[in-house]
Amino acid sequence: MDAATTQRTETGRDPLAGRRHRVMLQGRAQVGPDHLLPCVVRDLSRAGAKIRIDRDLPLPDRFALYIAGHDLRSVSAALRWRRGDFAGVAFAEPAEGGA
């Protein structure tokens, strides 16, 4: 058993889930039934992302995040922090297609 597997077993967490990758992908935050806000995904991991979104656009505590890339991913996101035009979100489930 390797160290990552041992750590995952002992802590119950996947140490690779937080490994971030710098990206620049178009995204949309769904903040209402028919309301999508444009954003840019700047960092991405299996556990969450950092997005760039206009500071004047309000984000709810939970929302669907659509990420365009080689495929279209949809994840349930929870707002963790917000500073200026940037926000950090945690995914309720791993991003489809992984990071």
N, C-alpha and C. Protein backbone atom coordinates (compact mmCIF):
# COMPACT_ATOMS: atom_id res chain seq x y z
N MET A 1 0.86 -1.18 0.00
CA MET A 1 0.00 0.00 0.00
C MET A 1 0.90 1.24 0.00
N ASP A 2 0.67 2.20 -0.94
CA ASP A 2 1.51 3.38 -1.00
C ASP A 2 1.10 4.41 0.05
N ALA A 3 1.92 5.47 0.21
CA ALA A 3 1.68 6.49 1.24
C ALA A 3 0.35 7.20 1.05
N ALA A 4 -0.02 7.50 -0.20
CA ALA A 4 -1.29 8.19 -0.47
C ALA A 4 -2.47 7.31 -0.06
N THR A 5 -2.38 6.03 -0.36
CA THR A 5 -3.45 5.11 0.02
C THR A 5 -3.53 4.99 1.53
N THR A 6 -2.37 4.91 2.18
CA THR A 6 -2.34 4.84 3.64
C THR A 6 -2.96 6.09 4.24
N GLN A 7 -2.56 7.27 3.74
CA GLN A 7 -3.10 8.52 4.27
C GLN A 7 -4.60 8.60 4.04
N ARG A 8 -5.07 8.21 2.87
CA ARG A 8 -6.50 8.24 2.56
C ARG A 8 -7.25 7.32 3.51
N THR A 9 -6.70 6.16 3.78
CA THR A 9 -7.33 5.19 4.67
C THR A 9 -7.38 5.72 6.10
N GLU A 10 -6.28 6.33 6.58
CA GLU A 10 -6.21 6.80 7.95
C GLU A 10 -7.06 8.05 8.19
N THR A 11 -7.10 8.97 7.24
CA THR A 11 -7.81 10.23 7.44
C THR A 11 -9.20 10.24 6.83
N GLY A 12 -9.46 9.30 5.90
CA GLY A 12 -10.75 9.29 5.23
C GLY A 12 -10.83 10.32 4.12
N ARG A 13 -9.72 10.99 3.82
CA ARG A 13 -9.71 12.01 2.77
C ARG A 13 -8.72 11.62 1.69
N ASP A 14 -9.00 12.05 0.49
CA ASP A 14 -8.12 11.79 -0.65
C ASP A 14 -7.12 12.95 -0.75
N PRO A 15 -5.82 12.72 -0.52
CA PRO A 15 -4.85 13.81 -0.56
C PRO A 15 -4.70 14.45 -1.94
N LEU A 16 -5.09 13.74 -2.98
CA LEU A 16 -4.99 14.30 -4.33
C LEU A 16 -6.19 15.18 -4.69
N ALA A 17 -7.27 15.12 -3.91
CA ALA A 17 -8.47 15.89 -4.22
C ALA A 17 -8.20 17.37 -4.17
N GLY A 18 -7.27 17.82 -3.34
CA GLY A 18 -6.98 19.24 -3.21
C GLY A 18 -5.90 19.74 -4.16
N ARG A 19 -5.29 18.87 -4.93
CA ARG A 19 -4.23 19.27 -5.86
C ARG A 19 -4.83 20.14 -6.96
N ARG A 20 -4.44 21.41 -6.99
CA ARG A 20 -5.03 22.35 -7.94
C ARG A 20 -4.24 22.42 -9.23
N HIS A 21 -4.98 22.67 -10.29
CA HIS A 21 -4.38 22.86 -11.60
C HIS A 21 -4.80 24.23 -12.11
N ARG A 22 -3.82 25.00 -12.56
CA ARG A 22 -4.15 26.31 -13.13
C ARG A 22 -4.79 26.10 -14.49
N VAL A 23 -5.94 26.71 -14.66
CA VAL A 23 -6.68 26.59 -15.91
C VAL A 23 -7.27 27.96 -16.24
N MET A 24 -7.80 28.10 -17.41
CA MET A 24 -8.58 29.27 -17.79
C MET A 24 -9.72 28.75 -18.66
N LEU A 25 -10.82 28.37 -17.99
CA LEU A 25 -11.97 27.79 -18.66
C LEU A 25 -13.19 28.67 -18.46
N GLN A 26 -14.01 28.76 -19.48
CA GLN A 26 -15.26 29.51 -19.35
C GLN A 26 -16.21 28.75 -18.45
N GLY A 27 -16.95 29.49 -17.66
CA GLY A 27 -17.91 28.87 -16.77
C GLY A 27 -19.17 29.70 -16.66
N ARG A 28 -20.17 29.11 -16.05
CA ARG A 28 -21.45 29.79 -15.77
C ARG A 28 -21.91 29.33 -14.40
N ALA A 29 -22.29 30.29 -13.56
CA ALA A 29 -22.85 29.98 -12.25
C ALA A 29 -24.36 30.16 -12.35
N GLN A 30 -25.09 29.10 -12.06
CA GLN A 30 -26.55 29.17 -12.11
C GLN A 30 -27.06 29.64 -10.76
N VAL A 31 -27.60 30.87 -10.72
CA VAL A 31 -28.04 31.46 -9.46
C VAL A 31 -29.55 31.57 -9.34
N GLY A 32 -30.24 31.08 -10.32
CA GLY A 32 -31.70 31.05 -10.32
C GLY A 32 -32.14 30.06 -11.37
N PRO A 33 -33.44 29.79 -11.42
CA PRO A 33 -33.92 28.79 -12.39
C PRO A 33 -33.51 29.09 -13.82
N ASP A 34 -33.50 30.36 -14.19
CA ASP A 34 -33.16 30.74 -15.57
C ASP A 34 -32.10 31.82 -15.61
N HIS A 35 -31.24 31.89 -14.57
CA HIS A 35 -30.26 32.97 -14.51
C HIS A 35 -28.85 32.40 -14.36
N LEU A 36 -28.03 32.61 -15.41
CA LEU A 36 -26.64 32.15 -15.42
C LEU A 36 -25.71 33.36 -15.42
N LEU A 37 -24.70 33.34 -14.54
CA LEU A 37 -23.71 34.40 -14.48
C LEU A 37 -22.41 33.91 -15.11
N PRO A 38 -21.82 34.71 -16.02
CA PRO A 38 -20.56 34.29 -16.63
C PRO A 38 -19.41 34.37 -15.62
N CYS A 39 -18.49 33.42 -15.71
CA CYS A 39 -17.30 33.44 -14.86
C CYS A 39 -16.17 32.74 -15.60
N VAL A 40 -14.97 32.84 -15.06
CA VAL A 40 -13.80 32.14 -15.60
C VAL A 40 -13.25 31.28 -14.47
N VAL A 41 -13.06 29.99 -14.75
CA VAL A 41 -12.48 29.07 -13.78
C VAL A 41 -10.97 29.20 -13.91
N ARG A 42 -10.29 29.58 -12.80
CA ARG A 42 -8.85 29.83 -12.84
C ARG A 42 -8.02 28.70 -12.24
N ASP A 43 -8.48 28.10 -11.16
CA ASP A 43 -7.83 26.93 -10.55
C ASP A 43 -8.90 25.86 -10.41
N LEU A 44 -8.49 24.61 -10.61
CA LEU A 44 -9.46 23.52 -10.57
C LEU A 44 -8.84 22.29 -9.93
N SER A 45 -9.57 21.66 -9.04
CA SER A 45 -9.18 20.39 -8.45
C SER A 45 -10.43 19.52 -8.39
N ARG A 46 -10.27 18.30 -7.93
CA ARG A 46 -11.43 17.44 -7.78
C ARG A 46 -12.34 17.93 -6.66
N ALA A 47 -11.77 18.70 -5.71
CA ALA A 47 -12.53 19.15 -4.54
C ALA A 47 -13.15 20.54 -4.70
N GLY A 48 -12.65 21.35 -5.64
CA GLY A 48 -13.19 22.70 -5.77
C GLY A 48 -12.49 23.51 -6.84
N ALA A 49 -12.75 24.83 -6.82
CA ALA A 49 -12.20 25.70 -7.84
C ALA A 49 -12.11 27.14 -7.33
N LYS A 50 -11.27 27.91 -8.02
CA LYS A 50 -11.26 29.36 -7.83
C LYS A 50 -11.83 29.95 -9.11
N ILE A 51 -12.84 30.80 -8.97
CA ILE A 51 -13.46 31.39 -10.15
C ILE A 51 -13.30 32.91 -10.11
N ARG A 52 -13.25 33.50 -11.29
CA ARG A 52 -13.24 34.95 -11.42
C ARG A 52 -14.63 35.35 -11.88
N ILE A 53 -15.27 36.20 -11.08
CA ILE A 53 -16.63 36.64 -11.38
C ILE A 53 -16.75 38.08 -10.90
N ASP A 54 -17.43 38.90 -11.65
CA ASP A 54 -17.57 40.32 -11.31
C ASP A 54 -18.02 40.49 -9.86
N ARG A 55 -17.30 41.31 -9.13
CA ARG A 55 -17.59 41.51 -7.70
C ARG A 55 -18.99 42.03 -7.44
N ASP A 56 -19.61 42.65 -8.43
CA ASP A 56 -20.97 43.19 -8.27
C ASP A 56 -22.06 42.15 -8.49
N LEU A 57 -21.68 40.96 -8.94
CA LEU A 57 -22.66 39.89 -9.15
C LEU A 57 -22.76 39.05 -7.89
N PRO A 58 -23.94 38.98 -7.28
CA PRO A 58 -24.08 38.21 -6.05
C PRO A 58 -24.08 36.70 -6.31
N LEU A 59 -23.44 35.96 -5.41
CA LEU A 59 -23.44 34.51 -5.48
C LEU A 59 -24.14 33.95 -4.25
N PRO A 60 -25.03 32.98 -4.43
CA PRO A 60 -25.66 32.33 -3.28
C PRO A 60 -24.68 31.38 -2.59
N ASP A 61 -25.04 30.87 -1.44
CA ASP A 61 -24.19 29.92 -0.72
C ASP A 61 -23.98 28.62 -1.49
N ARG A 62 -25.00 28.21 -2.27
CA ARG A 62 -24.90 26.99 -3.09
C ARG A 62 -25.47 27.27 -4.48
N PHE A 63 -24.80 26.73 -5.49
CA PHE A 63 -25.25 26.94 -6.86
C PHE A 63 -24.64 25.88 -7.77
N ALA A 64 -25.21 25.73 -8.95
CA ALA A 64 -24.65 24.83 -9.96
C ALA A 64 -23.60 25.61 -10.75
N LEU A 65 -22.46 24.96 -10.98
CA LEU A 65 -21.39 25.57 -11.76
C LEU A 65 -21.18 24.73 -13.01
N TYR A 66 -21.28 25.37 -14.16
CA TYR A 66 -21.06 24.71 -15.45
C TYR A 66 -19.69 25.13 -15.94
N ILE A 67 -18.85 24.16 -16.27
CA ILE A 67 -17.48 24.42 -16.70
C ILE A 67 -17.30 23.88 -18.11
N ALA A 68 -16.93 24.77 -19.04
CA ALA A 68 -16.69 24.37 -20.43
C ALA A 68 -15.22 24.04 -20.60
N GLY A 69 -14.94 23.00 -21.33
CA GLY A 69 -13.58 22.59 -21.64
C GLY A 69 -13.66 21.67 -22.83
N HIS A 70 -12.96 20.55 -22.76
CA HIS A 70 -13.09 19.54 -23.81
C HIS A 70 -14.48 18.90 -23.74
N ASP A 71 -15.08 18.99 -22.57
CA ASP A 71 -16.44 18.52 -22.37
C ASP A 71 -17.12 19.54 -21.46
N LEU A 72 -18.41 19.40 -21.26
CA LEU A 72 -19.14 20.30 -20.37
C LEU A 72 -19.37 19.57 -19.06
N ARG A 73 -18.88 20.17 -17.98
CA ARG A 73 -19.06 19.58 -16.66
C ARG A 73 -20.05 20.42 -15.87
N SER A 74 -20.80 19.77 -15.05
CA SER A 74 -21.74 20.44 -14.15
C SER A 74 -21.50 19.90 -12.75
N VAL A 75 -21.29 20.81 -11.80
CA VAL A 75 -21.06 20.40 -10.41
C VAL A 75 -21.90 21.26 -9.48
N SER A 76 -22.22 20.70 -8.35
CA SER A 76 -22.89 21.44 -7.30
C SER A 76 -21.78 22.11 -6.49
N ALA A 77 -21.83 23.44 -6.36
CA ALA A 77 -20.76 24.20 -5.72
C ALA A 77 -21.27 24.91 -4.47
N ALA A 78 -20.40 25.00 -3.47
CA ALA A 78 -20.70 25.74 -2.25
C ALA A 78 -19.67 26.86 -2.12
N LEU A 79 -20.14 28.08 -1.95
CA LEU A 79 -19.25 29.23 -1.82
C LEU A 79 -18.48 29.13 -0.51
N ARG A 80 -17.15 29.22 -0.57
CA ARG A 80 -16.31 29.14 0.63
C ARG A 80 -15.71 30.50 1.00
N TRP A 81 -15.35 31.29 0.00
CA TRP A 81 -14.80 32.61 0.26
C TRP A 81 -15.00 33.50 -0.96
N ARG A 82 -14.90 34.80 -0.73
CA ARG A 82 -15.04 35.78 -1.83
C ARG A 82 -14.16 36.98 -1.52
N ARG A 83 -13.28 37.35 -2.47
CA ARG A 83 -12.41 38.52 -2.35
C ARG A 83 -12.36 39.22 -3.70
N GLY A 84 -12.94 40.40 -3.76
CA GLY A 84 -12.95 41.15 -5.01
C GLY A 84 -13.63 40.36 -6.12
N ASP A 85 -12.92 40.20 -7.23
CA ASP A 85 -13.46 39.48 -8.39
C ASP A 85 -13.23 37.97 -8.33
N PHE A 86 -12.74 37.46 -7.20
CA PHE A 86 -12.46 36.03 -7.11
C PHE A 86 -13.30 35.39 -6.01
N ALA A 87 -13.62 34.12 -6.23
CA ALA A 87 -14.38 33.35 -5.25
C ALA A 87 -13.85 31.92 -5.24
N GLY A 88 -13.84 31.32 -4.07
CA GLY A 88 -13.46 29.92 -3.92
C GLY A 88 -14.69 29.09 -3.67
N VAL A 89 -14.80 27.98 -4.37
CA VAL A 89 -15.95 27.09 -4.19
C VAL A 89 -15.47 25.67 -3.93
N ALA A 90 -16.25 24.95 -3.13
CA ALA A 90 -16.01 23.53 -2.89
C ALA A 90 -17.10 22.76 -3.62
N PHE A 91 -16.73 21.64 -4.21
CA PHE A 91 -17.70 20.82 -4.91
C PHE A 91 -18.36 19.86 -3.94
N ALA A 92 -19.66 19.71 -4.08
CA ALA A 92 -20.40 18.76 -3.24
C ALA A 92 -20.08 17.33 -3.65
N GLU A 93 -19.65 17.16 -4.89
CA GLU A 93 -19.25 15.85 -5.41
C GLU A 93 -18.11 16.08 -6.38
N PRO A 94 -17.28 15.09 -6.66
CA PRO A 94 -16.16 15.29 -7.57
C PRO A 94 -16.65 15.77 -8.94
N ALA A 95 -15.86 16.65 -9.56
CA ALA A 95 -16.18 17.15 -10.90
C ALA A 95 -16.19 15.99 -11.88
N GLU A 96 -17.21 15.93 -12.74
CA GLU A 96 -17.29 14.89 -13.75
C GLU A 96 -16.11 15.06 -14.69
N GLY A 97 -15.42 14.02 -15.01
CA GLY A 97 -14.28 14.07 -15.90
C GLY A 97 -12.99 14.31 -15.16
N GLY A 98 -13.05 14.65 -13.85
CA GLY A 98 -11.85 14.85 -13.05
C GLY A 98 -11.06 16.06 -13.46
N ALA A 99 -10.01 16.32 -12.74
CA ALA A 99 -9.14 17.45 -13.05
C ALA A 99 -7.71 16.98 -13.05
